[in-house]
Amino acid sequence: MIVAILCAHPVLVAEFESQIERLRLSDPGLGALRDTMLMQADRPAGALAEALARENPGVLETLMRHPHVRSAPPVLRRDDSDFARMCLAEELAKLQATRAVRAETEEAAEALEGLADEGVTWRISQATKAFHRAGKSKLEDTGDLGEDRAAMSDFLQSLLDKHGGG
């Protein structure tokens, strides 16, 4: 959704450039869109939009045809960059929280190889709370929180249950 919002609102690329640079995208096509955004970030929004369409036409069309993208409020409301800015900031915050939870969980799981202590249990508990806070949308559109959130929540709860923290 992050790349789609940026494609729909290229005026936001320069503002979020540092976060865009840190995006790790598993899809090479989305990576190409990101790279084009970064190479063209200093250009006016119209020129950036043209570059995205010219250099990545198939990828851009495919991305924007996905039903969850087509129906996403920040993509539908192309004339409202302020709304898109809020949505983008929220999506980036959720991504950062998800990464932090995964890193903390992996580190805690390694620590659990030995004897679980209160510190490890507390860290898992705090990571879970942060993940849930980040996942609660401050905006109306929460349609794309999906299975990843539920799976992560179940995984974290199972760790807490298994090691006496829940």
N, C-alpha and C. Protein backbone atom coordinates (compact mmCIF):
# COMPACT_ATOMS: atom_id res chain seq x y z
N MET A 1 0.82 -1.19 0.00
CA MET A 1 0.00 0.00 0.00
C MET A 1 0.87 1.26 0.00
N ILE A 2 2.02 1.18 0.62
CA ILE A 2 2.92 2.34 0.69
C ILE A 2 3.32 2.80 -0.70
N VAL A 3 3.75 1.88 -1.53
CA VAL A 3 4.18 2.24 -2.89
C VAL A 3 3.00 2.77 -3.69
N ALA A 4 1.83 2.18 -3.51
CA ALA A 4 0.64 2.64 -4.24
C ALA A 4 0.27 4.08 -3.84
N ILE A 5 0.33 4.38 -2.57
CA ILE A 5 0.03 5.74 -2.11
C ILE A 5 1.02 6.72 -2.73
N LEU A 6 2.28 6.35 -2.73
CA LEU A 6 3.30 7.24 -3.31
C LEU A 6 3.10 7.42 -4.81
N CYS A 7 2.69 6.36 -5.50
CA CYS A 7 2.44 6.48 -6.95
C CYS A 7 1.23 7.38 -7.21
N ALA A 8 0.23 7.29 -6.35
CA ALA A 8 -0.97 8.12 -6.51
C ALA A 8 -0.72 9.57 -6.09
N HIS A 9 0.25 9.78 -5.23
CA HIS A 9 0.57 11.12 -4.71
C HIS A 9 2.08 11.36 -4.78
N PRO A 10 2.63 11.49 -5.97
CA PRO A 10 4.08 11.64 -6.10
C PRO A 10 4.62 12.90 -5.41
N VAL A 11 3.76 13.84 -5.09
CA VAL A 11 4.19 15.03 -4.38
C VAL A 11 4.75 14.68 -2.99
N LEU A 12 4.42 13.51 -2.47
CA LEU A 12 4.87 13.09 -1.14
C LEU A 12 6.23 12.41 -1.14
N VAL A 13 6.74 12.07 -2.30
CA VAL A 13 7.99 11.30 -2.39
C VAL A 13 9.14 12.04 -1.72
N ALA A 14 9.34 13.31 -2.03
CA ALA A 14 10.47 14.05 -1.46
C ALA A 14 10.36 14.12 0.06
N GLU A 15 9.15 14.30 0.56
CA GLU A 15 8.93 14.42 2.00
C GLU A 15 9.27 13.12 2.75
N PHE A 16 9.00 11.99 2.13
CA PHE A 16 9.21 10.69 2.78
C PHE A 16 10.42 9.95 2.20
N GLU A 17 11.31 10.67 1.57
CA GLU A 17 12.43 10.05 0.85
C GLU A 17 13.27 9.13 1.73
N SER A 18 13.58 9.55 2.94
CA SER A 18 14.44 8.71 3.79
C SER A 18 13.75 7.39 4.16
N GLN A 19 12.44 7.44 4.41
CA GLN A 19 11.71 6.20 4.71
C GLN A 19 11.61 5.32 3.47
N ILE A 20 11.45 5.94 2.31
CA ILE A 20 11.36 5.17 1.06
C ILE A 20 12.68 4.44 0.81
N GLU A 21 13.79 5.11 1.10
CA GLU A 21 15.11 4.48 0.92
C GLU A 21 15.25 3.22 1.76
N ARG A 22 14.62 3.19 2.93
CA ARG A 22 14.75 2.05 3.83
C ARG A 22 13.75 0.93 3.56
N LEU A 23 12.84 1.14 2.61
CA LEU A 23 11.87 0.09 2.30
C LEU A 23 12.57 -1.13 1.72
N ARG A 24 12.31 -2.27 2.31
CA ARG A 24 12.81 -3.54 1.76
C ARG A 24 11.62 -4.20 1.09
N LEU A 25 11.70 -4.28 -0.22
CA LEU A 25 10.58 -4.82 -0.99
C LEU A 25 10.98 -6.15 -1.61
N SER A 26 10.17 -7.17 -1.37
CA SER A 26 10.49 -8.49 -1.91
C SER A 26 10.12 -8.60 -3.39
N ASP A 27 9.21 -7.77 -3.85
CA ASP A 27 8.79 -7.80 -5.25
C ASP A 27 9.73 -6.91 -6.06
N PRO A 28 10.43 -7.46 -7.05
CA PRO A 28 11.37 -6.66 -7.84
C PRO A 28 10.70 -5.51 -8.59
N GLY A 29 9.46 -5.70 -9.00
CA GLY A 29 8.74 -4.64 -9.70
C GLY A 29 8.49 -3.45 -8.79
N LEU A 30 8.07 -3.73 -7.56
CA LEU A 30 7.87 -2.64 -6.60
C LEU A 30 9.20 -1.98 -6.25
N GLY A 31 10.25 -2.78 -6.22
CA GLY A 31 11.59 -2.23 -6.00
C GLY A 31 11.98 -1.28 -7.12
N ALA A 32 11.62 -1.62 -8.35
CA ALA A 32 11.91 -0.74 -9.49
C ALA A 32 11.13 0.57 -9.37
N LEU A 33 9.88 0.49 -8.94
CA LEU A 33 9.10 1.72 -8.72
C LEU A 33 9.76 2.59 -7.65
N ARG A 34 10.16 1.94 -6.55
CA ARG A 34 10.84 2.67 -5.47
C ARG A 34 12.11 3.33 -5.99
N ASP A 35 12.90 2.59 -6.76
CA ASP A 35 14.15 3.14 -7.28
C ASP A 35 13.90 4.33 -8.20
N THR A 36 12.87 4.24 -9.03
CA THR A 36 12.52 5.36 -9.90
C THR A 36 12.12 6.57 -9.06
N MET A 37 11.33 6.33 -8.02
CA MET A 37 10.92 7.43 -7.13
C MET A 37 12.13 8.13 -6.54
N LEU A 38 13.07 7.33 -6.08
CA LEU A 38 14.26 7.90 -5.43
C LEU A 38 15.13 8.66 -6.43
N MET A 39 15.27 8.12 -7.63
CA MET A 39 16.09 8.80 -8.64
C MET A 39 15.44 10.10 -9.13
N GLN A 40 14.13 10.16 -9.06
CA GLN A 40 13.39 11.32 -9.58
C GLN A 40 12.80 12.18 -8.46
N ALA A 41 13.17 11.94 -7.22
CA ALA A 41 12.54 12.59 -6.07
C ALA A 41 12.60 14.11 -6.12
N ASP A 42 13.64 14.66 -6.74
CA ASP A 42 13.80 16.11 -6.76
C ASP A 42 13.01 16.78 -7.89
N ARG A 43 12.35 16.00 -8.72
CA ARG A 43 11.58 16.54 -9.84
C ARG A 43 10.16 16.91 -9.39
N PRO A 44 9.49 17.78 -10.12
CA PRO A 44 8.10 18.11 -9.79
C PRO A 44 7.22 16.86 -9.84
N ALA A 45 6.12 16.88 -9.09
CA ALA A 45 5.25 15.72 -8.97
C ALA A 45 4.77 15.20 -10.33
N GLY A 46 4.41 16.09 -11.22
CA GLY A 46 3.94 15.67 -12.54
C GLY A 46 5.02 14.93 -13.32
N ALA A 47 6.24 15.45 -13.27
CA ALA A 47 7.35 14.81 -13.97
C ALA A 47 7.68 13.45 -13.34
N LEU A 48 7.57 13.37 -12.03
CA LEU A 48 7.81 12.10 -11.34
C LEU A 48 6.75 11.08 -11.73
N ALA A 49 5.49 11.49 -11.77
CA ALA A 49 4.41 10.59 -12.18
C ALA A 49 4.64 10.08 -13.60
N GLU A 50 5.07 10.97 -14.49
CA GLU A 50 5.36 10.56 -15.87
C GLU A 50 6.50 9.56 -15.92
N ALA A 51 7.54 9.80 -15.12
CA ALA A 51 8.69 8.89 -15.09
C ALA A 51 8.28 7.51 -14.58
N LEU A 52 7.44 7.47 -13.55
CA LEU A 52 6.96 6.19 -13.02
C LEU A 52 6.20 5.42 -14.09
N ALA A 53 5.32 6.11 -14.81
CA ALA A 53 4.52 5.46 -15.85
C ALA A 53 5.38 5.04 -17.03
N ARG A 54 6.34 5.85 -17.39
CA ARG A 54 7.19 5.58 -18.55
C ARG A 54 8.18 4.44 -18.27
N GLU A 55 8.80 4.46 -17.11
CA GLU A 55 9.86 3.49 -16.82
C GLU A 55 9.36 2.17 -16.25
N ASN A 56 8.15 2.16 -15.71
CA ASN A 56 7.62 0.95 -15.08
C ASN A 56 6.15 0.73 -15.43
N PRO A 57 5.78 0.79 -16.70
CA PRO A 57 4.35 0.78 -17.05
C PRO A 57 3.60 -0.47 -16.59
N GLY A 58 4.14 -1.64 -16.85
CA GLY A 58 3.44 -2.87 -16.47
C GLY A 58 3.30 -3.02 -14.96
N VAL A 59 4.36 -2.70 -14.25
CA VAL A 59 4.35 -2.82 -12.79
C VAL A 59 3.33 -1.85 -12.20
N LEU A 60 3.34 -0.63 -12.68
CA LEU A 60 2.43 0.39 -12.16
C LEU A 60 0.98 0.00 -12.43
N GLU A 61 0.70 -0.46 -13.64
CA GLU A 61 -0.67 -0.89 -13.98
C GLU A 61 -1.11 -2.05 -13.10
N THR A 62 -0.25 -3.03 -12.94
CA THR A 62 -0.59 -4.20 -12.11
C THR A 62 -0.85 -3.78 -10.67
N LEU A 63 0.01 -2.95 -10.12
CA LEU A 63 -0.16 -2.48 -8.75
C LEU A 63 -1.50 -1.77 -8.58
N MET A 64 -1.79 -0.85 -9.48
CA MET A 64 -2.99 -0.04 -9.33
C MET A 64 -4.28 -0.80 -9.67
N ARG A 65 -4.16 -2.00 -10.26
CA ARG A 65 -5.33 -2.82 -10.57
C ARG A 65 -5.75 -3.72 -9.41
N HIS A 66 -4.89 -3.91 -8.42
CA HIS A 66 -5.26 -4.75 -7.28
C HIS A 66 -6.50 -4.16 -6.61
N PRO A 67 -7.49 -5.00 -6.31
CA PRO A 67 -8.73 -4.48 -5.70
C PRO A 67 -8.50 -3.69 -4.42
N HIS A 68 -7.60 -4.16 -3.54
CA HIS A 68 -7.40 -3.44 -2.29
C HIS A 68 -6.70 -2.10 -2.52
N VAL A 69 -5.97 -1.97 -3.60
CA VAL A 69 -5.33 -0.69 -3.95
C VAL A 69 -6.36 0.24 -4.58
N ARG A 70 -7.11 -0.30 -5.55
CA ARG A 70 -8.11 0.51 -6.25
C ARG A 70 -9.12 1.11 -5.29
N SER A 71 -9.47 0.37 -4.23
CA SER A 71 -10.50 0.84 -3.31
C SER A 71 -9.93 1.58 -2.10
N ALA A 72 -8.63 1.70 -2.00
CA ALA A 72 -8.02 2.36 -0.84
C ALA A 72 -8.30 3.87 -0.89
N PRO A 73 -8.79 4.44 0.20
CA PRO A 73 -9.11 5.87 0.22
C PRO A 73 -7.98 6.79 -0.25
N PRO A 74 -6.72 6.57 0.16
CA PRO A 74 -5.70 7.51 -0.32
C PRO A 74 -5.42 7.40 -1.82
N VAL A 75 -5.75 6.28 -2.43
CA VAL A 75 -5.60 6.13 -3.87
C VAL A 75 -6.81 6.73 -4.58
N LEU A 76 -7.99 6.51 -4.02
CA LEU A 76 -9.21 7.06 -4.60
C LEU A 76 -9.23 8.59 -4.54
N ARG A 77 -8.73 9.13 -3.45
CA ARG A 77 -8.78 10.58 -3.24
C ARG A 77 -7.46 11.22 -3.68
N ARG A 78 -7.21 11.19 -4.97
CA ARG A 78 -5.95 11.70 -5.52
C ARG A 78 -5.80 13.21 -5.37
N ASP A 79 -6.87 13.90 -5.09
CA ASP A 79 -6.80 15.34 -4.93
C ASP A 79 -6.56 15.75 -3.47
N ASP A 80 -6.42 14.78 -2.58
CA ASP A 80 -6.27 15.08 -1.15
C ASP A 80 -4.92 14.57 -0.63
N SER A 81 -3.88 15.33 -0.89
CA SER A 81 -2.53 14.91 -0.48
C SER A 81 -2.35 14.94 1.03
N ASP A 82 -3.10 15.79 1.72
CA ASP A 82 -3.00 15.82 3.19
C ASP A 82 -3.49 14.50 3.79
N PHE A 83 -4.61 14.02 3.28
CA PHE A 83 -5.13 12.73 3.73
C PHE A 83 -4.15 11.62 3.39
N ALA A 84 -3.63 11.64 2.18
CA ALA A 84 -2.66 10.63 1.75
C ALA A 84 -1.41 10.67 2.63
N ARG A 85 -0.98 11.86 3.02
CA ARG A 85 0.19 12.01 3.89
C ARG A 85 -0.06 11.31 5.23
N MET A 86 -1.26 11.51 5.80
CA MET A 86 -1.60 10.87 7.07
C MET A 86 -1.63 9.35 6.92
N CYS A 87 -2.23 8.87 5.83
CA CYS A 87 -2.30 7.42 5.59
C CYS A 87 -0.91 6.83 5.40
N LEU A 88 -0.07 7.53 4.65
CA LEU A 88 1.28 7.06 4.39
C LEU A 88 2.09 7.01 5.68
N ALA A 89 1.99 8.05 6.49
CA ALA A 89 2.70 8.07 7.77
C ALA A 89 2.25 6.91 8.65
N GLU A 90 0.95 6.64 8.64
CA GLU A 90 0.43 5.54 9.44
C GLU A 90 0.92 4.19 8.93
N GLU A 91 0.91 4.00 7.62
CA GLU A 91 1.40 2.74 7.04
C GLU A 91 2.88 2.54 7.36
N LEU A 92 3.66 3.59 7.27
CA LEU A 92 5.09 3.49 7.58
C LEU A 92 5.30 3.18 9.06
N ALA A 93 4.48 3.77 9.94
CA ALA A 93 4.59 3.50 11.37
C ALA A 93 4.23 2.04 11.66
N LYS A 94 3.20 1.52 11.00
CA LYS A 94 2.83 0.11 11.19
C LYS A 94 3.95 -0.81 10.71
N LEU A 95 4.55 -0.47 9.58
CA LEU A 95 5.65 -1.27 9.06
C LEU A 95 6.82 -1.27 10.04
N GLN A 96 7.15 -0.10 10.56
CA GLN A 96 8.25 -0.01 11.52
C GLN A 96 7.94 -0.81 12.79
N ALA A 97 6.71 -0.73 13.27
CA ALA A 97 6.33 -1.48 14.47
C ALA A 97 6.39 -2.98 14.21
N THR A 98 5.96 -3.41 13.05
CA THR A 98 6.00 -4.83 12.70
C THR A 98 7.44 -5.32 12.67
N ARG A 99 8.32 -4.54 12.06
CA ARG A 99 9.74 -4.92 12.02
C ARG A 99 10.34 -4.98 13.41
N ALA A 100 9.98 -4.02 14.26
CA ALA A 100 10.51 -3.99 15.62
C ALA A 100 10.03 -5.20 16.41
N VAL A 101 8.76 -5.56 16.25
CA VAL A 101 8.22 -6.72 16.95
C VAL A 101 8.93 -7.99 16.49
N ARG A 102 9.12 -8.11 15.20
CA ARG A 102 9.81 -9.31 14.69
C ARG A 102 11.23 -9.40 15.24
N ALA A 103 11.94 -8.28 15.22
CA ALA A 103 13.32 -8.29 15.71
C ALA A 103 13.36 -8.62 17.20
N GLU A 104 12.47 -7.99 17.96
CA GLU A 104 12.44 -8.23 19.41
C GLU A 104 12.03 -9.68 19.70
N THR A 105 11.09 -10.19 18.93
CA THR A 105 10.63 -11.57 19.13
C THR A 105 11.74 -12.56 18.80
N GLU A 106 12.46 -12.32 17.71
CA GLU A 106 13.57 -13.20 17.36
C GLU A 106 14.64 -13.19 18.45
N GLU A 107 14.95 -11.99 18.94
CA GLU A 107 15.95 -11.88 20.00
C GLU A 107 15.47 -12.57 21.27
N ALA A 108 14.20 -12.38 21.60
CA ALA A 108 13.64 -13.01 22.80
C ALA A 108 13.61 -14.53 22.65
N ALA A 109 13.28 -15.01 21.45
CA ALA A 109 13.25 -16.46 21.22
C ALA A 109 14.64 -17.06 21.42
N GLU A 110 15.67 -16.34 20.97
CA GLU A 110 17.04 -16.81 21.19
C GLU A 110 17.35 -16.85 22.68
N ALA A 111 16.89 -15.84 23.41
CA ALA A 111 17.13 -15.81 24.85
C ALA A 111 16.37 -16.93 25.56
N LEU A 112 15.26 -17.36 24.98
CA LEU A 112 14.47 -18.42 25.59
C LEU A 112 15.10 -19.79 25.42
N GLU A 113 16.13 -19.88 24.60
CA GLU A 113 16.82 -21.16 24.43
C GLU A 113 17.27 -21.68 25.78
N GLY A 114 17.66 -20.78 26.63
CA GLY A 114 18.04 -21.16 27.99
C GLY A 114 16.80 -21.08 28.86
N LEU A 115 16.93 -20.45 29.97
CA LEU A 115 15.84 -20.33 30.91
C LEU A 115 15.15 -18.98 30.71
N ALA A 116 13.85 -19.00 30.52
CA ALA A 116 13.09 -17.75 30.36
C ALA A 116 13.05 -17.03 31.70
N ASP A 117 13.27 -15.74 31.66
CA ASP A 117 13.19 -14.96 32.89
C ASP A 117 12.16 -13.85 32.73
N GLU A 118 11.95 -13.10 33.78
CA GLU A 118 10.96 -12.02 33.74
C GLU A 118 11.28 -10.98 32.70
N GLY A 119 12.55 -10.70 32.49
CA GLY A 119 12.95 -9.70 31.51
C GLY A 119 12.54 -10.07 30.10
N VAL A 120 12.72 -11.32 29.74
CA VAL A 120 12.34 -11.79 28.41
C VAL A 120 10.83 -11.73 28.26
N THR A 121 10.12 -12.19 29.26
CA THR A 121 8.66 -12.16 29.22
C THR A 121 8.17 -10.73 29.09
N TRP A 122 8.76 -9.82 29.83
CA TRP A 122 8.37 -8.41 29.77
C TRP A 122 8.62 -7.85 28.37
N ARG A 123 9.77 -8.18 27.78
CA ARG A 123 10.09 -7.68 26.44
C ARG A 123 9.09 -8.16 25.41
N ILE A 124 8.72 -9.43 25.49
CA ILE A 124 7.72 -9.95 24.55
C ILE A 124 6.39 -9.24 24.77
N SER A 125 6.02 -9.06 26.01
CA SER A 125 4.77 -8.37 26.33
C SER A 125 4.77 -6.95 25.79
N GLN A 126 5.87 -6.23 25.97
CA GLN A 126 5.96 -4.85 25.48
C GLN A 126 5.93 -4.80 23.96
N ALA A 127 6.61 -5.72 23.32
CA ALA A 127 6.61 -5.76 21.86
C ALA A 127 5.20 -6.03 21.34
N THR A 128 4.49 -6.94 22.00
CA THR A 128 3.12 -7.25 21.60
C THR A 128 2.22 -6.03 21.75
N LYS A 129 2.35 -5.33 22.86
CA LYS A 129 1.53 -4.12 23.08
C LYS A 129 1.84 -3.05 22.03
N ALA A 130 3.11 -2.87 21.71
CA ALA A 130 3.48 -1.87 20.70
C ALA A 130 2.93 -2.25 19.34
N PHE A 131 2.98 -3.53 19.04
CA PHE A 131 2.45 -4.02 17.76
C PHE A 131 0.95 -3.75 17.67
N HIS A 132 0.23 -4.02 18.73
CA HIS A 132 -1.22 -3.79 18.71
C HIS A 132 -1.55 -2.30 18.65
N ARG A 133 -0.78 -1.47 19.35
CA ARG A 133 -1.02 -0.01 19.27
C ARG A 133 -0.80 0.49 17.86
N ALA A 134 0.26 0.04 17.22
CA ALA A 134 0.56 0.50 15.86
C ALA A 134 -0.50 0.02 14.87
N GLY A 135 -1.07 -1.13 15.14
CA GLY A 135 -2.06 -1.69 14.23
C GLY A 135 -3.43 -1.06 14.33
N LYS A 136 -3.67 -0.31 15.39
CA LYS A 136 -4.97 0.35 15.54
C LYS A 136 -4.96 1.62 14.72
N SER A 137 -5.75 1.62 13.68
CA SER A 137 -5.79 2.75 12.76
C SER A 137 -6.44 3.95 13.41
N LYS A 138 -5.85 5.09 13.18
CA LYS A 138 -6.44 6.34 13.61
C LYS A 138 -7.37 6.86 12.53
N LEU A 139 -7.35 6.19 11.39
CA LEU A 139 -8.19 6.56 10.26
C LEU A 139 -9.26 5.49 10.11
N GLU A 140 -10.21 5.72 9.23
CA GLU A 140 -11.32 4.80 9.07
C GLU A 140 -10.94 3.53 8.34
N ASP A 141 -9.99 3.57 7.41
CA ASP A 141 -9.67 2.41 6.58
C ASP A 141 -8.73 1.46 7.30
N THR A 142 -9.26 0.32 7.73
CA THR A 142 -8.42 -0.70 8.36
C THR A 142 -8.53 -2.01 7.60
N GLY A 143 -8.97 -1.96 6.37
CA GLY A 143 -9.22 -3.15 5.59
C GLY A 143 -7.99 -3.97 5.27
N ASP A 144 -6.80 -3.39 5.25
CA ASP A 144 -5.64 -4.16 4.83
C ASP A 144 -4.76 -4.59 5.99
N LEU A 145 -5.30 -4.63 7.21
CA LEU A 145 -4.50 -5.12 8.34
C LEU A 145 -4.34 -6.63 8.24
N GLY A 146 -5.40 -7.33 7.86
CA GLY A 146 -5.36 -8.69 7.41
C GLY A 146 -4.77 -9.75 8.30
N GLU A 147 -4.39 -10.84 7.64
CA GLU A 147 -3.96 -12.04 8.31
C GLU A 147 -2.61 -11.89 8.98
N ASP A 148 -1.72 -11.06 8.46
CA ASP A 148 -0.40 -10.92 9.07
C ASP A 148 -0.52 -10.47 10.52
N ARG A 149 -1.40 -9.54 10.78
CA ARG A 149 -1.58 -9.03 12.13
C ARG A 149 -2.10 -10.15 13.03
N ALA A 150 -3.10 -10.88 12.57
CA ALA A 150 -3.67 -11.96 13.36
C ALA A 150 -2.62 -13.05 13.61
N ALA A 151 -1.88 -13.39 12.59
CA ALA A 151 -0.85 -14.43 12.73
C ALA A 151 0.23 -13.99 13.72
N MET A 152 0.67 -12.73 13.61
CA MET A 152 1.70 -12.22 14.52
C MET A 152 1.16 -12.20 15.95
N SER A 153 -0.08 -11.78 16.12
CA SER A 153 -0.69 -11.74 17.44
C SER A 153 -0.76 -13.14 18.04
N ASP A 154 -1.21 -14.11 17.25
CA ASP A 154 -1.29 -15.49 17.73
C ASP A 154 0.08 -16.03 18.10
N PHE A 155 1.08 -15.73 17.26
CA PHE A 155 2.44 -16.19 17.52
C PHE A 155 2.97 -15.61 18.84
N LEU A 156 2.79 -14.31 19.02
CA LEU A 156 3.28 -13.66 20.24
C LEU A 156 2.55 -14.19 21.47
N GLN A 157 1.25 -14.39 21.35
CA GLN A 157 0.49 -14.92 22.48
C GLN A 157 0.95 -16.33 22.82
N SER A 158 1.25 -17.14 21.80
CA SER A 158 1.72 -18.50 22.07
C SER A 158 3.06 -18.48 22.80
N LEU A 159 3.93 -17.53 22.45
CA LEU A 159 5.20 -17.40 23.17
C LEU A 159 4.97 -17.04 24.63
N LEU A 160 4.06 -16.09 24.85
CA LEU A 160 3.76 -15.69 26.22
C LEU A 160 3.16 -16.86 27.00
N ASP A 161 2.22 -17.58 26.40
CA ASP A 161 1.59 -18.71 27.07
C ASP A 161 2.61 -19.80 27.38
N LYS A 162 3.47 -20.07 26.41
CA LYS A 162 4.46 -21.15 26.55
C LYS A 162 5.47 -20.85 27.65
N HIS A 163 5.80 -19.57 27.80
CA HIS A 163 6.87 -19.22 28.74
C HIS A 163 6.36 -18.46 29.95
N GLY A 164 5.08 -18.59 30.23
CA GLY A 164 4.54 -18.08 31.48
C GLY A 164 4.39 -16.58 31.56
N GLY A 165 4.22 -15.88 30.47
CA GLY A 165 4.09 -14.43 30.55
C GLY A 165 2.69 -13.94 30.29
N GLY A 166 1.75 -14.79 29.96
CA GLY A 166 0.42 -14.35 29.59
C GLY A 166 -0.53 -14.76 30.59
